[in-house]
Amino acid sequence: MSVLDNFDHWKDFLGDRLDQGEHSGLDEHSINEIAFQIGDYLADQVDPQNDEERLLKQLWDVGDEKERHAIANLMVKLVHDEGTNH
């Protein structure tokens, strides 16, 4: 099963990468920039596998660069907050 098949698995995957980045000493700006690059890659190269990913792709596609950075930053915040609540 791919991490993209299930949105919760995708968020767990992102959360794990966030933890690795933080433990490696990356600052918040660097982590958010990596999230933006991942989002850009996924929007261009990967077909959405579920409703949540389709919605994120649609938002990404209509957003300008500033809005895409906001989406990436919100995804980082989402997985970070969920990780601290478990």
PDB file of N, CA and C in Angstrom:
ATOM      1  N   MET A   1       0.843  -1.185   0.000  1.00  0.00           N
ATOM      2  CA  MET A   1       0.000   0.000   0.000  1.00  0.00           C
ATOM      3  C   MET A   1       0.886   1.247   0.000  1.00  0.00           C
ATOM      4  N   SER A   2       0.589   2.167  -0.858  1.00  0.00           N
ATOM      5  CA  SER A   2       1.308   3.437  -0.941  1.00  0.00           C
ATOM      6  C   SER A   2       0.815   4.380   0.149  1.00  0.00           C
ATOM      7  N   VAL A   3       1.698   5.265   0.605  1.00  0.00           N
ATOM      8  CA  VAL A   3       1.277   6.259   1.603  1.00  0.00           C
ATOM      9  C   VAL A   3       0.228   7.190   1.024  1.00  0.00           C
ATOM     10  N   LEU A   4       0.117   7.241  -0.302  1.00  0.00           N
ATOM     11  CA  LEU A   4      -0.864   8.120  -0.929  1.00  0.00           C
ATOM     12  C   LEU A   4      -2.249   7.493  -1.018  1.00  0.00           C
ATOM     13  N   ASP A   5      -2.367   6.206  -0.736  1.00  0.00           N
ATOM     14  CA  ASP A   5      -3.665   5.536  -0.837  1.00  0.00           C
ATOM     15  C   ASP A   5      -4.644   5.974   0.253  1.00  0.00           C
ATOM     16  N   ASN A   6      -4.128   6.352   1.392  1.00  0.00           N
ATOM     17  CA  ASN A   6      -4.961   6.710   2.530  1.00  0.00           C
ATOM     18  C   ASN A   6      -4.443   8.032   3.097  1.00  0.00           C
ATOM     19  N   PHE A   7      -5.339   9.012   3.277  1.00  0.00           N
ATOM     20  CA  PHE A   7      -4.908  10.341   3.700  1.00  0.00           C
ATOM     21  C   PHE A   7      -4.277  10.324   5.089  1.00  0.00           C
ATOM     22  N   ASP A   8      -4.779   9.484   5.985  1.00  0.00           N
ATOM     23  CA  ASP A   8      -4.169   9.399   7.314  1.00  0.00           C
ATOM     24  C   ASP A   8      -2.745   8.853   7.230  1.00  0.00           C
ATOM     25  N   HIS A   9      -2.525   7.872   6.353  1.00  0.00           N
ATOM     26  CA  HIS A   9      -1.163   7.362   6.161  1.00  0.00           C
ATOM     27  C   HIS A   9      -0.260   8.448   5.584  1.00  0.00           C
ATOM     28  N   TRP A  10      -0.813   9.250   4.670  1.00  0.00           N
ATOM     29  CA  TRP A  10      -0.055  10.351   4.072  1.00  0.00           C
ATOM     30  C   TRP A  10       0.338  11.363   5.149  1.00  0.00           C
ATOM     31  N   LYS A  11      -0.604  11.698   6.025  1.00  0.00           N
ATOM     32  CA  LYS A  11      -0.293  12.654   7.090  1.00  0.00           C
ATOM     33  C   LYS A  11       0.750  12.065   8.048  1.00  0.00           C
ATOM     34  N   ASP A  12       0.648  10.775   8.348  1.00  0.00           N
ATOM     35  CA  ASP A  12       1.649  10.130   9.201  1.00  0.00           C
ATOM     36  C   ASP A  12       3.027  10.183   8.558  1.00  0.00           C
ATOM     37  N   PHE A  13       3.072   9.920   7.251  1.00  0.00           N
ATOM     38  CA  PHE A  13       4.328   9.975   6.503  1.00  0.00           C
ATOM     39  C   PHE A  13       4.930  11.382   6.579  1.00  0.00           C
ATOM     40  N   LEU A  14       4.102  12.399   6.332  1.00  0.00           N
ATOM     41  CA  LEU A  14       4.582  13.780   6.420  1.00  0.00           C
ATOM     42  C   LEU A  14       5.046  14.113   7.826  1.00  0.00           C
ATOM     43  N   GLY A  15       4.307  13.658   8.810  1.00  0.00           N
ATOM     44  CA  GLY A  15       4.686  13.897  10.202  1.00  0.00           C
ATOM     45  C   GLY A  15       6.033  13.287  10.542  1.00  0.00           C
ATOM     46  N   ASP A  16       6.273  12.069  10.045  1.00  0.00           N
ATOM     47  CA  ASP A  16       7.568  11.425  10.272  1.00  0.00           C
ATOM     48  C   ASP A  16       8.697  12.223   9.628  1.00  0.00           C
ATOM     49  N   ARG A  17       8.468  12.714   8.394  1.00  0.00           N
ATOM     50  CA  ARG A  17       9.494  13.520   7.716  1.00  0.00           C
ATOM     51  C   ARG A  17       9.722  14.840   8.456  1.00  0.00           C
ATOM     52  N   LEU A  18       8.654  15.419   8.974  1.00  0.00           N
ATOM     53  CA  LEU A  18       8.772  16.656   9.759  1.00  0.00           C
ATOM     54  C   LEU A  18       9.636  16.411  10.993  1.00  0.00           C
ATOM     55  N   ASP A  19       9.361  15.322  11.700  1.00  0.00           N
ATOM     56  CA  ASP A  19      10.158  14.981  12.881  1.00  0.00           C
ATOM     57  C   ASP A  19      11.631  14.792  12.518  1.00  0.00           C
ATOM     58  N   GLN A  20      11.890  14.108  11.410  1.00  0.00           N
ATOM     59  CA  GLN A  20      13.272  13.894  10.980  1.00  0.00           C
ATOM     60  C   GLN A  20      13.955  15.225  10.680  1.00  0.00           C
ATOM     61  N   GLY A  21      13.245  16.113   9.996  1.00  0.00           N
ATOM     62  CA  GLY A  21      13.810  17.423   9.677  1.00  0.00           C
ATOM     63  C   GLY A  21      14.126  18.227  10.918  1.00  0.00           C
ATOM     64  N   GLU A  22      13.194  18.211  11.874  1.00  0.00           N
ATOM     65  CA  GLU A  22      13.415  18.953  13.114  1.00  0.00           C
ATOM     66  C   GLU A  22      14.589  18.380  13.891  1.00  0.00           C
ATOM     67  N   HIS A  23      14.678  17.043  13.949  1.00  0.00           N
ATOM     68  CA  HIS A  23      15.780  16.413  14.677  1.00  0.00           C
ATOM     69  C   HIS A  23      17.120  16.612  13.963  1.00  0.00           C
ATOM     70  N   SER A  24      17.072  16.889  12.669  1.00  0.00           N
ATOM     71  CA  SER A  24      18.298  17.157  11.906  1.00  0.00           C
ATOM     72  C   SER A  24      18.720  18.624  11.999  1.00  0.00           C
ATOM     73  N   GLY A  25      17.908  19.428  12.683  1.00  0.00           N
ATOM     74  CA  GLY A  25      18.266  20.822  12.894  1.00  0.00           C
ATOM     75  C   GLY A  25      17.707  21.792  11.865  1.00  0.00           C
ATOM     76  N   LEU A  26      16.790  21.327  11.006  1.00  0.00           N
ATOM     77  CA  LEU A  26      16.188  22.254  10.045  1.00  0.00           C
ATOM     78  C   LEU A  26      15.281  23.235  10.773  1.00  0.00           C
ATOM     79  N   ASP A  27      15.343  24.497  10.364  1.00  0.00           N
ATOM     80  CA  ASP A  27      14.463  25.491  10.961  1.00  0.00           C
ATOM     81  C   ASP A  27      13.088  25.457  10.287  1.00  0.00           C
ATOM     82  N   GLU A  28      12.147  26.184  10.860  1.00  0.00           N
ATOM     83  CA  GLU A  28      10.764  26.177  10.378  1.00  0.00           C
ATOM     84  C   GLU A  28      10.668  26.620   8.917  1.00  0.00           C
ATOM     85  N   HIS A  29      11.421  27.634   8.542  1.00  0.00           N
ATOM     86  CA  HIS A  29      11.390  28.120   7.154  1.00  0.00           C
ATOM     87  C   HIS A  29      11.841  27.027   6.184  1.00  0.00           C
ATOM     88  N   SER A  30      12.910  26.327   6.526  1.00  0.00           N
ATOM     89  CA  SER A  30      13.421  25.259   5.660  1.00  0.00           C
ATOM     90  C   SER A  30      12.419  24.123   5.530  1.00  0.00           C
ATOM     91  N   ILE A  31      11.799  23.757   6.634  1.00  0.00           N
ATOM     92  CA  ILE A  31      10.798  22.683   6.606  1.00  0.00           C
ATOM     93  C   ILE A  31       9.617  23.092   5.742  1.00  0.00           C
ATOM     94  N   ASN A  32       9.157  24.337   5.896  1.00  0.00           N
ATOM     95  CA  ASN A  32       8.034  24.810   5.090  1.00  0.00           C
ATOM     96  C   ASN A  32       8.393  24.870   3.606  1.00  0.00           C
ATOM     97  N   GLU A  33       9.629  25.225   3.301  1.00  0.00           N
ATOM     98  CA  GLU A  33      10.064  25.270   1.901  1.00  0.00           C
ATOM     99  C   GLU A  33      10.100  23.866   1.296  1.00  0.00           C
ATOM    100  N   ILE A  34      10.564  22.897   2.068  1.00  0.00           N
ATOM    101  CA  ILE A  34      10.564  21.509   1.597  1.00  0.00           C
ATOM    102  C   ILE A  34       9.131  21.041   1.371  1.00  0.00           C
ATOM    103  N   ALA A  35       8.229  21.393   2.277  1.00  0.00           N
ATOM    104  CA  ALA A  35       6.814  21.024   2.112  1.00  0.00           C
ATOM    105  C   ALA A  35       6.242  21.631   0.836  1.00  0.00           C
ATOM    106  N   PHE A  36       6.619  22.874   0.536  1.00  0.00           N
ATOM    107  CA  PHE A  36       6.174  23.522  -0.694  1.00  0.00           C
ATOM    108  C   PHE A  36       6.692  22.759  -1.911  1.00  0.00           C
ATOM    109  N   GLN A  37       7.954  22.382  -1.892  1.00  0.00           N
ATOM    110  CA  GLN A  37       8.544  21.653  -3.013  1.00  0.00           C
ATOM    111  C   GLN A  37       7.880  20.291  -3.193  1.00  0.00           C
ATOM    112  N   ILE A  38       7.574  19.616  -2.098  1.00  0.00           N
ATOM    113  CA  ILE A  38       6.875  18.332  -2.172  1.00  0.00           C
ATOM    114  C   ILE A  38       5.482  18.526  -2.759  1.00  0.00           C
ATOM    115  N   GLY A  39       4.778  19.554  -2.277  1.00  0.00           N
ATOM    116  CA  GLY A  39       3.445  19.837  -2.806  1.00  0.00           C
ATOM    117  C   GLY A  39       3.474  20.135  -4.284  1.00  0.00           C
ATOM    118  N   ASP A  40       4.453  20.896  -4.723  1.00  0.00           N
ATOM    119  CA  ASP A  40       4.591  21.227  -6.139  1.00  0.00           C
ATOM    120  C   ASP A  40       4.854  19.969  -6.963  1.00  0.00           C
ATOM    121  N   TYR A  41       5.739  19.118  -6.469  1.00  0.00           N
ATOM    122  CA  TYR A  41       6.034  17.863  -7.155  1.00  0.00           C
ATOM    123  C   TYR A  41       4.786  16.979  -7.245  1.00  0.00           C
ATOM    124  N   LEU A  42       4.102  16.814  -6.124  1.00  0.00           N
ATOM    125  CA  LEU A  42       2.913  15.962  -6.111  1.00  0.00           C
ATOM    126  C   LEU A  42       1.840  16.488  -7.059  1.00  0.00           C
ATOM    127  N   ALA A  43       1.631  17.791  -7.075  1.00  0.00           N
ATOM    128  CA  ALA A  43       0.607  18.380  -7.940  1.00  0.00           C
ATOM    129  C   ALA A  43       0.927  18.155  -9.417  1.00  0.00           C
ATOM    130  N   ASP A  44       2.225  18.163  -9.742  1.00  0.00           N
ATOM    131  CA  ASP A  44       2.637  18.012 -11.143  1.00  0.00           C
ATOM    132  C   ASP A  44       2.806  16.562 -11.583  1.00  0.00           C
ATOM    133  N   GLN A  45       3.178  15.684 -10.656  1.00  0.00           N
ATOM    134  CA  GLN A  45       3.631  14.350 -11.055  1.00  0.00           C
ATOM    135  C   GLN A  45       2.795  13.176 -10.554  1.00  0.00           C
ATOM    136  N   VAL A  46       1.919  13.395  -9.576  1.00  0.00           N
ATOM    137  CA  VAL A  46       1.240  12.274  -8.931  1.00  0.00           C
ATOM    138  C   VAL A  46      -0.268  12.463  -9.013  1.00  0.00           C
ATOM    139  N   ASP A  47      -0.953  11.421  -9.469  1.00  0.00           N
ATOM    140  CA  ASP A  47      -2.415  11.471  -9.506  1.00  0.00           C
ATOM    141  C   ASP A  47      -2.961  11.306  -8.094  1.00  0.00           C
ATOM    142  N   PRO A  48      -3.907  12.157  -7.693  1.00  0.00           N
ATOM    143  CA  PRO A  48      -4.512  12.017  -6.364  1.00  0.00           C
ATOM    144  C   PRO A  48      -5.161  10.638  -6.203  1.00  0.00           C
ATOM    145  N   GLN A  49      -5.003  10.067  -5.021  1.00  0.00           N
ATOM    146  CA  GLN A  49      -5.515   8.721  -4.762  1.00  0.00           C
ATOM    147  C   GLN A  49      -6.795   8.698  -3.929  1.00  0.00           C
ATOM    148  N   ASN A  50      -7.211   9.855  -3.424  1.00  0.00           N
ATOM    149  CA  ASN A  50      -8.413   9.886  -2.599  1.00  0.00           C
ATOM    150  C   ASN A  50      -9.012  11.296  -2.653  1.00  0.00           C
ATOM    151  N   ASP A  51     -10.171  11.456  -2.050  1.00  0.00           N
ATOM    152  CA  ASP A  51     -10.885  12.741  -2.114  1.00  0.00           C
ATOM    153  C   ASP A  51     -10.084  13.892  -1.513  1.00  0.00           C
ATOM    154  N   GLU A  52      -9.403  13.646  -0.396  1.00  0.00           N
ATOM    155  CA  GLU A  52      -8.641  14.703   0.251  1.00  0.00           C
ATOM    156  C   GLU A  52      -7.499  15.174  -0.654  1.00  0.00           C
ATOM    157  N   GLU A  53      -6.819  14.236  -1.274  1.00  0.00           N
ATOM    158  CA  GLU A  53      -5.717  14.608  -2.165  1.00  0.00           C
ATOM    159  C   GLU A  53      -6.235  15.327  -3.410  1.00  0.00           C
ATOM    160  N   ARG A  54      -7.402  14.924  -3.908  1.00  0.00           N
ATOM    161  CA  ARG A  54      -7.986  15.623  -5.055  1.00  0.00           C
ATOM    162  C   ARG A  54      -8.311  17.073  -4.690  1.00  0.00           C
ATOM    163  N   LEU A  55      -8.857  17.286  -3.506  1.00  0.00           N
ATOM    164  CA  LEU A  55      -9.163  18.635  -3.052  1.00  0.00           C
ATOM    165  C   LEU A  55      -7.883  19.461  -2.921  1.00  0.00           C
ATOM    166  N   LEU A  56      -6.851  18.887  -2.301  1.00  0.00           N
ATOM    167  CA  LEU A  56      -5.586  19.612  -2.166  1.00  0.00           C
ATOM    168  C   LEU A  56      -4.999  19.969  -3.527  1.00  0.00           C
ATOM    169  N   LYS A  57      -5.080  19.036  -4.481  1.00  0.00           N
ATOM    170  CA  LYS A  57      -4.567  19.321  -5.826  1.00  0.00           C
ATOM    171  C   LYS A  57      -5.363  20.441  -6.485  1.00  0.00           C
ATOM    172  N   GLN A  58      -6.682  20.415  -6.336  1.00  0.00           N
ATOM    173  CA  GLN A  58      -7.511  21.474  -6.926  1.00  0.00           C
ATOM    174  C   GLN A  58      -7.159  22.832  -6.313  1.00  0.00           C
ATOM    175  N   LEU A  59      -6.991  22.878  -4.995  1.00  0.00           N
ATOM    176  CA  LEU A  59      -6.610  24.121  -4.329  1.00  0.00           C
ATOM    177  C   LEU A  59      -5.231  24.579  -4.795  1.00  0.00           C
ATOM    178  N   TRP A  60      -4.310  23.629  -4.902  1.00  0.00           N
ATOM    179  CA  TRP A  60      -2.956  23.945  -5.350  1.00  0.00           C
ATOM    180  C   TRP A  60      -2.986  24.524  -6.766  1.00  0.00           C
ATOM    181  N   ASP A  61      -3.776  23.881  -7.627  1.00  0.00           N
ATOM    182  CA  ASP A  61      -3.833  24.305  -9.031  1.00  0.00           C
ATOM    183  C   ASP A  61      -4.403  25.705  -9.213  1.00  0.00           C
ATOM    184  N   VAL A  62      -5.363  26.094  -8.374  1.00  0.00           N
ATOM    185  CA  VAL A  62      -5.963  27.431  -8.528  1.00  0.00           C
ATOM    186  C   VAL A  62      -5.199  28.499  -7.751  1.00  0.00           C
ATOM    187  N   GLY A  63      -4.345  28.083  -6.841  1.00  0.00           N
ATOM    188  CA  GLY A  63      -3.623  29.043  -6.013  1.00  0.00           C
ATOM    189  C   GLY A  63      -2.414  29.631  -6.718  1.00  0.00           C
ATOM    190  N   ASP A  64      -2.069  30.852  -6.330  1.00  0.00           N
ATOM    191  CA  ASP A  64      -0.819  31.442  -6.803  1.00  0.00           C
ATOM    192  C   ASP A  64       0.303  30.954  -5.872  1.00  0.00           C
ATOM    193  N   GLU A  65       1.522  31.396  -6.110  1.00  0.00           N
ATOM    194  CA  GLU A  65       2.645  30.886  -5.325  1.00  0.00           C
ATOM    195  C   GLU A  65       2.488  31.175  -3.831  1.00  0.00           C
ATOM    196  N   LYS A  66       2.016  32.354  -3.473  1.00  0.00           N
ATOM    197  CA  LYS A  66       1.820  32.698  -2.068  1.00  0.00           C
ATOM    198  C   LYS A  66       0.780  31.771  -1.429  1.00  0.00           C
ATOM    199  N   GLU A  67      -0.299  31.506  -2.141  1.00  0.00           N
ATOM    200  CA  GLU A  67      -1.348  30.626  -1.618  1.00  0.00           C
ATOM    201  C   GLU A  67      -0.853  29.185  -1.521  1.00  0.00           C
ATOM    202  N   ARG A  68      -0.014  28.765  -2.460  1.00  0.00           N
ATOM    203  CA  ARG A  68       0.550  27.414  -2.404  1.00  0.00           C
ATOM    204  C   ARG A  68       1.480  27.277  -1.200  1.00  0.00           C
ATOM    205  N   HIS A  69       2.242  28.310  -0.915  1.00  0.00           N
ATOM    206  CA  HIS A  69       3.079  28.283   0.289  1.00  0.00           C
ATOM    207  C   HIS A  69       2.196  28.178   1.535  1.00  0.00           C
ATOM    208  N   ALA A  70       1.064  28.880   1.528  1.00  0.00           N
ATOM    209  CA  ALA A  70       0.147  28.811   2.670  1.00  0.00           C
ATOM    210  C   ALA A  70      -0.393  27.392   2.839  1.00  0.00           C
ATOM    211  N   ILE A  71      -0.745  26.736   1.738  1.00  0.00           N
ATOM    212  CA  ILE A  71      -1.239  25.347   1.816  1.00  0.00           C
ATOM    213  C   ILE A  71      -0.154  24.447   2.391  1.00  0.00           C
ATOM    214  N   ALA A  72       1.068  24.578   1.890  1.00  0.00           N
ATOM    215  CA  ALA A  72       2.179  23.760   2.389  1.00  0.00           C
ATOM    216  C   ALA A  72       2.412  24.017   3.874  1.00  0.00           C
ATOM    217  N   ASN A  73       2.387  25.286   4.270  1.00  0.00           N
ATOM    218  CA  ASN A  73       2.589  25.628   5.683  1.00  0.00           C
ATOM    219  C   ASN A  73       1.475  25.049   6.552  1.00  0.00           C
ATOM    220  N   LEU A  74       0.255  25.077   6.052  1.00  0.00           N
ATOM    221  CA  LEU A  74      -0.869  24.510   6.806  1.00  0.00           C
ATOM    222  C   LEU A  74      -0.746  22.991   6.933  1.00  0.00           C
ATOM    223  N   MET A  75      -0.268  22.329   5.891  1.00  0.00           N
ATOM    224  CA  MET A  75      -0.071  20.877   5.974  1.00  0.00           C
ATOM    225  C   MET A  75       0.992  20.552   7.028  1.00  0.00           C
ATOM    226  N   VAL A  76       2.070  21.340   7.050  1.00  0.00           N
ATOM    227  CA  VAL A  76       3.107  21.145   8.075  1.00  0.00           C
ATOM    228  C   VAL A  76       2.498  21.330   9.460  1.00  0.00           C
ATOM    229  N   LYS A  77       1.735  22.390   9.613  1.00  0.00           N
ATOM    230  CA  LYS A  77       1.093  22.667  10.907  1.00  0.00           C
ATOM    231  C   LYS A  77       0.116  21.554  11.287  1.00  0.00           C
ATOM    232  N   LEU A  78      -0.647  21.073  10.335  1.00  0.00           N
ATOM    233  CA  LEU A  78      -1.611  19.991  10.587  1.00  0.00           C
ATOM    234  C   LEU A  78      -0.918  18.750  11.109  1.00  0.00           C
ATOM    235  N   VAL A  79       0.113  18.294  10.401  1.00  0.00           N
ATOM    236  CA  VAL A  79       0.762  17.057  10.841  1.00  0.00           C
ATOM    237  C   VAL A  79       1.561  17.270  12.114  1.00  0.00           C
ATOM    238  N   HIS A  80       2.087  18.476  12.314  1.00  0.00           N
ATOM    239  CA  HIS A  80       2.806  18.751  13.556  1.00  0.00           C
ATOM    240  C   HIS A  80       1.856  18.741  14.741  1.00  0.00           C
ATOM    241  N   ASP A  81       0.709  19.430  14.584  1.00  0.00           N
ATOM    242  CA  ASP A  81      -0.273  19.492  15.668  1.00  0.00           C
ATOM    243  C   ASP A  81      -0.857  18.122  15.977  1.00  0.00           C
ATOM    244  N   GLU A  82      -1.125  17.332  14.949  1.00  0.00           N
ATOM    245  CA  GLU A  82      -1.670  15.986  15.168  1.00  0.00           C
ATOM    246  C   GLU A  82      -0.642  15.092  15.856  1.00  0.00           C
ATOM    247  N   GLY A  83       0.630  15.306  15.500  1.00  0.00           N
ATOM    248  CA  GLY A  83       1.687  14.518  16.137  1.00  0.00           C
ATOM    249  C   GLY A  83       1.849  14.834  17.603  1.00  0.00           C
ATOM    250  N   THR A  84       1.599  16.085  17.989  1.00  0.00           N
ATOM    251  CA  THR A  84       1.731  16.456  19.391  1.00  0.00           C
ATOM    252  C   THR A  84       0.490  16.070  20.200  1.00  0.00           C
ATOM    253  N   ASN A  85      -0.608  15.754  19.495  1.00  0.00           N
ATOM    254  CA  ASN A  85      -1.832  15.378  20.191  1.00  0.00           C
ATOM    255  C   ASN A  85      -1.979  13.877  20.369  1.00  0.00           C
ATOM    256  N   HIS A  86      -1.042  13.101  19.839  1.00  0.00           N
ATOM    257  CA  HIS A  86      -1.130  11.632  19.984  1.00  0.00           C
ATOM    258  C   HIS A  86      -0.303  11.148  21.127  1.00  0.00           C
TER     259      HIS A  86
END
